[in-house]
Amino acid sequence: MEISDGIYNLIIFVLAIYVGYHVVWNVTPALHTPLMAVTNAISAIVIVGAMLAAALTETFLGKSMGFLAVALAAVNVFGGFLVTRRMLEMFKKKAPKAKAEGK
């Protein structure tokens, strides 16, 4: 009895979801910012791959799906950088409050 390639791919996909879930939920809060920065870098690589895939297709559906992939990956990258910046702002020391005058 042979197991098809689709079953192998499904098993790998389910294991990747399981491992990814446990890796992400067990990250300490101190590592969230570096993890977010790495995720942004991966998304930037996805943009390059989507542009290459869109350039190599010849059908309208392929071009439109490639454009959609590039647009969604770009939103993910820029949104990720905004979130990272906001997270880094939380670690900055706040200026001491000025004492009230006349007291």
N, C-alpha and C. Protein backbone atom coordinates (compact mmCIF):
# COMPACT_ATOMS: atom_id res chain seq x y z
N MET A 1 0.84 -1.18 0.00
CA MET A 1 0.00 0.00 0.00
C MET A 1 0.89 1.25 0.00
N GLU A 2 0.67 2.10 -0.97
CA GLU A 2 1.46 3.32 -1.08
C GLU A 2 0.69 4.50 -0.51
N ILE A 3 1.43 5.41 0.08
CA ILE A 3 0.84 6.65 0.57
C ILE A 3 1.13 7.73 -0.46
N SER A 4 0.10 8.46 -0.85
CA SER A 4 0.28 9.47 -1.90
C SER A 4 1.06 10.67 -1.38
N ASP A 5 1.60 11.43 -2.31
CA ASP A 5 2.35 12.63 -1.95
C ASP A 5 1.47 13.65 -1.25
N GLY A 6 0.19 13.69 -1.61
CA GLY A 6 -0.73 14.62 -0.97
C GLY A 6 -0.88 14.36 0.52
N ILE A 7 -0.87 13.10 0.91
CA ILE A 7 -0.96 12.75 2.33
C ILE A 7 0.30 13.19 3.06
N TYR A 8 1.46 12.96 2.44
CA TYR A 8 2.71 13.42 3.05
C TYR A 8 2.70 14.94 3.22
N ASN A 9 2.25 15.65 2.20
CA ASN A 9 2.19 17.11 2.29
C ASN A 9 1.22 17.56 3.37
N LEU A 10 0.10 16.87 3.51
CA LEU A 10 -0.87 17.21 4.55
C LEU A 10 -0.29 16.96 5.94
N ILE A 11 0.43 15.87 6.12
CA ILE A 11 1.06 15.57 7.41
C ILE A 11 2.09 16.64 7.76
N ILE A 12 2.91 17.03 6.79
CA ILE A 12 3.90 18.08 7.03
C ILE A 12 3.22 19.40 7.37
N PHE A 13 2.14 19.71 6.66
CA PHE A 13 1.41 20.95 6.92
C PHE A 13 0.84 20.98 8.34
N VAL A 14 0.23 19.88 8.77
CA VAL A 14 -0.35 19.81 10.12
C VAL A 14 0.74 19.89 11.18
N LEU A 15 1.86 19.21 10.96
CA LEU A 15 2.97 19.29 11.92
C LEU A 15 3.55 20.70 11.98
N ALA A 16 3.63 21.38 10.84
CA ALA A 16 4.14 22.75 10.83
C ALA A 16 3.21 23.68 11.61
N ILE A 17 1.91 23.48 11.47
CA ILE A 17 0.95 24.28 12.25
C ILE A 17 1.14 24.02 13.73
N TYR A 18 1.27 22.76 14.12
CA TYR A 18 1.42 22.40 15.53
C TYR A 18 2.69 22.99 16.11
N VAL A 19 3.81 22.81 15.43
CA VAL A 19 5.08 23.33 15.93
C VAL A 19 5.07 24.86 15.94
N GLY A 20 4.56 25.47 14.88
CA GLY A 20 4.49 26.93 14.83
C GLY A 20 3.65 27.52 15.94
N TYR A 21 2.54 26.88 16.24
CA TYR A 21 1.66 27.34 17.33
C TYR A 21 2.41 27.33 18.65
N HIS A 22 3.09 26.24 18.95
CA HIS A 22 3.79 26.14 20.23
C HIS A 22 5.02 27.04 20.28
N VAL A 23 5.67 27.26 19.18
CA VAL A 23 6.83 28.15 19.17
C VAL A 23 6.39 29.59 19.42
N VAL A 24 5.34 30.03 18.75
CA VAL A 24 4.90 31.42 18.88
C VAL A 24 4.32 31.69 20.27
N TRP A 25 3.53 30.79 20.80
CA TRP A 25 2.91 31.04 22.10
C TRP A 25 3.86 30.88 23.27
N ASN A 26 5.03 30.31 23.07
CA ASN A 26 5.99 30.16 24.16
C ASN A 26 7.13 31.17 24.08
N VAL A 27 6.99 32.18 23.26
CA VAL A 27 8.01 33.23 23.16
C VAL A 27 7.84 34.18 24.35
N THR A 28 8.96 34.48 24.98
CA THR A 28 8.90 35.42 26.11
C THR A 28 8.62 36.83 25.58
N PRO A 29 7.97 37.67 26.38
CA PRO A 29 7.64 39.02 25.92
C PRO A 29 8.86 39.84 25.48
N ALA A 30 10.02 39.58 26.05
CA ALA A 30 11.21 40.33 25.67
C ALA A 30 11.64 40.05 24.23
N LEU A 31 11.22 38.93 23.69
CA LEU A 31 11.64 38.57 22.33
C LEU A 31 10.59 38.89 21.27
N HIS A 32 9.48 39.49 21.65
CA HIS A 32 8.44 39.79 20.67
C HIS A 32 8.91 40.77 19.61
N THR A 33 9.65 41.80 20.00
CA THR A 33 10.10 42.80 19.03
C THR A 33 11.09 42.21 18.03
N PRO A 34 12.12 41.46 18.45
CA PRO A 34 13.00 40.85 17.44
C PRO A 34 12.26 39.84 16.56
N LEU A 35 11.32 39.12 17.13
CA LEU A 35 10.56 38.16 16.34
C LEU A 35 9.73 38.88 15.29
N MET A 36 9.17 40.03 15.65
CA MET A 36 8.38 40.81 14.70
C MET A 36 9.28 41.34 13.57
N ALA A 37 10.50 41.75 13.90
CA ALA A 37 11.43 42.24 12.88
C ALA A 37 11.80 41.13 11.90
N VAL A 38 12.01 39.92 12.41
CA VAL A 38 12.33 38.80 11.52
C VAL A 38 11.13 38.48 10.63
N THR A 39 9.93 38.56 11.18
CA THR A 39 8.73 38.31 10.40
C THR A 39 8.61 39.33 9.27
N ASN A 40 8.97 40.57 9.53
CA ASN A 40 8.95 41.60 8.48
C ASN A 40 9.95 41.27 7.38
N ALA A 41 11.12 40.77 7.76
CA ALA A 41 12.11 40.41 6.75
C ALA A 41 11.62 39.25 5.88
N ILE A 42 10.96 38.29 6.50
CA ILE A 42 10.41 37.17 5.73
C ILE A 42 9.32 37.67 4.78
N SER A 43 8.50 38.59 5.24
CA SER A 43 7.45 39.13 4.38
C SER A 43 8.05 39.89 3.20
N ALA A 44 9.19 40.53 3.42
CA ALA A 44 9.85 41.22 2.31
C ALA A 44 10.34 40.22 1.27
N ILE A 45 10.78 39.05 1.72
CA ILE A 45 11.18 38.01 0.78
C ILE A 45 9.96 37.50 0.01
N VAL A 46 8.81 37.45 0.68
CA VAL A 46 7.58 37.03 0.02
C VAL A 46 7.22 38.01 -1.10
N ILE A 47 7.46 39.29 -0.88
CA ILE A 47 7.18 40.29 -1.93
C ILE A 47 8.02 39.99 -3.17
N VAL A 48 9.29 39.70 -2.97
CA VAL A 48 10.16 39.40 -4.12
C VAL A 48 9.67 38.15 -4.85
N GLY A 49 9.31 37.11 -4.10
CA GLY A 49 8.79 35.90 -4.71
C GLY A 49 7.49 36.14 -5.46
N ALA A 50 6.61 36.96 -4.90
CA ALA A 50 5.34 37.27 -5.56
C ALA A 50 5.58 38.06 -6.84
N MET A 51 6.55 38.97 -6.82
CA MET A 51 6.85 39.73 -8.04
C MET A 51 7.41 38.82 -9.12
N LEU A 52 8.27 37.88 -8.73
CA LEU A 52 8.81 36.94 -9.71
C LEU A 52 7.72 36.04 -10.27
N ALA A 53 6.84 35.57 -9.40
CA ALA A 53 5.74 34.70 -9.86
C ALA A 53 4.80 35.46 -10.78
N ALA A 54 4.51 36.72 -10.45
CA ALA A 54 3.61 37.51 -11.29
C ALA A 54 4.26 37.82 -12.64
N ALA A 55 5.56 38.01 -12.63
CA ALA A 55 6.24 38.33 -13.89
C ALA A 55 6.30 37.13 -14.83
N LEU A 56 6.31 35.93 -14.28
CA LEU A 56 6.45 34.75 -15.11
C LEU A 56 5.12 34.21 -15.65
N THR A 57 4.01 34.71 -15.14
CA THR A 57 2.71 34.22 -15.62
C THR A 57 2.31 34.95 -16.89
N GLU A 58 1.45 34.31 -17.66
CA GLU A 58 1.01 34.90 -18.91
C GLU A 58 -0.48 35.18 -18.95
N THR A 59 -1.23 34.63 -18.01
CA THR A 59 -2.68 34.82 -18.02
C THR A 59 -3.06 36.02 -17.17
N PHE A 60 -4.25 36.54 -17.41
CA PHE A 60 -4.74 37.66 -16.63
C PHE A 60 -4.95 37.25 -15.18
N LEU A 61 -5.46 36.05 -14.95
CA LEU A 61 -5.68 35.58 -13.58
C LEU A 61 -4.36 35.48 -12.83
N GLY A 62 -3.33 34.97 -13.48
CA GLY A 62 -2.02 34.88 -12.84
C GLY A 62 -1.44 36.24 -12.49
N LYS A 63 -1.59 37.18 -13.44
CA LYS A 63 -1.07 38.53 -13.18
C LYS A 63 -1.84 39.20 -12.04
N SER A 64 -3.16 39.04 -12.03
CA SER A 64 -3.96 39.68 -10.98
C SER A 64 -3.70 39.04 -9.63
N MET A 65 -3.54 37.71 -9.59
CA MET A 65 -3.23 37.05 -8.32
C MET A 65 -1.83 37.45 -7.85
N GLY A 66 -0.89 37.61 -8.76
CA GLY A 66 0.45 38.08 -8.40
C GLY A 66 0.43 39.49 -7.86
N PHE A 67 -0.37 40.36 -8.50
CA PHE A 67 -0.51 41.72 -8.01
C PHE A 67 -1.12 41.74 -6.61
N LEU A 68 -2.13 40.91 -6.40
CA LEU A 68 -2.77 40.82 -5.09
C LEU A 68 -1.78 40.33 -4.04
N ALA A 69 -0.96 39.33 -4.40
CA ALA A 69 0.04 38.82 -3.47
C ALA A 69 1.06 39.89 -3.10
N VAL A 70 1.50 40.67 -4.08
CA VAL A 70 2.46 41.74 -3.82
C VAL A 70 1.82 42.80 -2.93
N ALA A 71 0.58 43.18 -3.21
CA ALA A 71 -0.09 44.21 -2.42
C ALA A 71 -0.30 43.75 -0.97
N LEU A 72 -0.75 42.53 -0.77
CA LEU A 72 -0.99 42.05 0.59
C LEU A 72 0.32 41.89 1.36
N ALA A 73 1.37 41.42 0.70
CA ALA A 73 2.66 41.29 1.38
C ALA A 73 3.22 42.67 1.73
N ALA A 74 3.01 43.66 0.87
CA ALA A 74 3.48 45.01 1.16
C ALA A 74 2.75 45.60 2.36
N VAL A 75 1.45 45.39 2.43
CA VAL A 75 0.68 45.85 3.59
C VAL A 75 1.19 45.17 4.85
N ASN A 76 1.50 43.89 4.76
CA ASN A 76 2.01 43.15 5.91
C ASN A 76 3.36 43.70 6.36
N VAL A 77 4.24 44.00 5.42
CA VAL A 77 5.56 44.52 5.78
C VAL A 77 5.44 45.89 6.44
N PHE A 78 4.73 46.82 5.80
CA PHE A 78 4.64 48.17 6.35
C PHE A 78 3.87 48.19 7.66
N GLY A 79 2.82 47.41 7.76
CA GLY A 79 2.10 47.31 9.03
C GLY A 79 2.96 46.72 10.12
N GLY A 80 3.78 45.73 9.76
CA GLY A 80 4.68 45.13 10.74
C GLY A 80 5.72 46.10 11.24
N PHE A 81 6.24 46.94 10.35
CA PHE A 81 7.21 47.93 10.79
C PHE A 81 6.55 48.98 11.69
N LEU A 82 5.32 49.33 11.41
CA LEU A 82 4.62 50.27 12.28
C LEU A 82 4.39 49.67 13.67
N VAL A 83 4.00 48.41 13.71
CA VAL A 83 3.79 47.75 14.99
C VAL A 83 5.11 47.63 15.75
N THR A 84 6.19 47.31 15.05
CA THR A 84 7.50 47.20 15.69
C THR A 84 7.92 48.53 16.28
N ARG A 85 7.69 49.61 15.53
CA ARG A 85 8.05 50.93 16.04
C ARG A 85 7.25 51.27 17.29
N ARG A 86 5.96 50.95 17.28
CA ARG A 86 5.13 51.21 18.46
C ARG A 86 5.58 50.38 19.66
N MET A 87 6.01 49.14 19.39
CA MET A 87 6.49 48.31 20.49
C MET A 87 7.79 48.87 21.06
N LEU A 88 8.67 49.37 20.20
CA LEU A 88 9.92 49.94 20.68
C LEU A 88 9.68 51.23 21.46
N GLU A 89 8.65 51.97 21.11
CA GLU A 89 8.31 53.19 21.84
C GLU A 89 7.95 52.87 23.29
N MET A 90 7.39 51.70 23.54
CA MET A 90 7.02 51.32 24.89
C MET A 90 8.23 51.12 25.78
N PHE A 91 9.40 50.80 25.20
CA PHE A 91 10.59 50.55 25.99
C PHE A 91 11.39 51.82 26.28
N LYS A 92 11.03 52.94 25.65
CA LYS A 92 11.76 54.18 25.92
C LYS A 92 11.38 54.70 27.29
N LYS A 93 12.39 55.31 27.95
CA LYS A 93 12.12 55.89 29.26
C LYS A 93 11.34 57.18 29.09
N LYS A 94 10.36 57.34 29.96
CA LYS A 94 9.55 58.54 29.89
C LYS A 94 10.25 59.66 30.66
N ALA A 95 10.05 60.89 30.21
CA ALA A 95 10.64 62.05 30.87
C ALA A 95 9.95 62.24 32.22
N PRO A 96 10.71 62.63 33.23
CA PRO A 96 10.08 62.86 34.54
C PRO A 96 9.10 64.02 34.47
N LYS A 97 8.04 63.90 35.23
CA LYS A 97 7.03 64.97 35.25
C LYS A 97 7.57 66.20 35.93
N ALA A 98 7.25 67.35 35.37
CA ALA A 98 7.70 68.61 35.96
C ALA A 98 6.90 68.86 37.23
N LYS A 99 7.59 69.38 38.24
CA LYS A 99 6.91 69.67 39.51
C LYS A 99 5.96 70.85 39.29
N ALA A 100 4.85 70.77 39.95
CA ALA A 100 3.86 71.86 39.83
C ALA A 100 4.45 73.14 40.41
N GLU A 101 4.22 74.26 39.75
CA GLU A 101 4.76 75.53 40.18
C GLU A 101 4.00 76.04 41.39
N GLY A 102 4.71 76.68 42.31
CA GLY A 102 4.07 77.31 43.45
C GLY A 102 3.91 76.38 44.64
N LYS A 103 4.40 75.21 44.58
CA LYS A 103 4.27 74.31 45.73
C LYS A 103 5.59 74.10 46.39
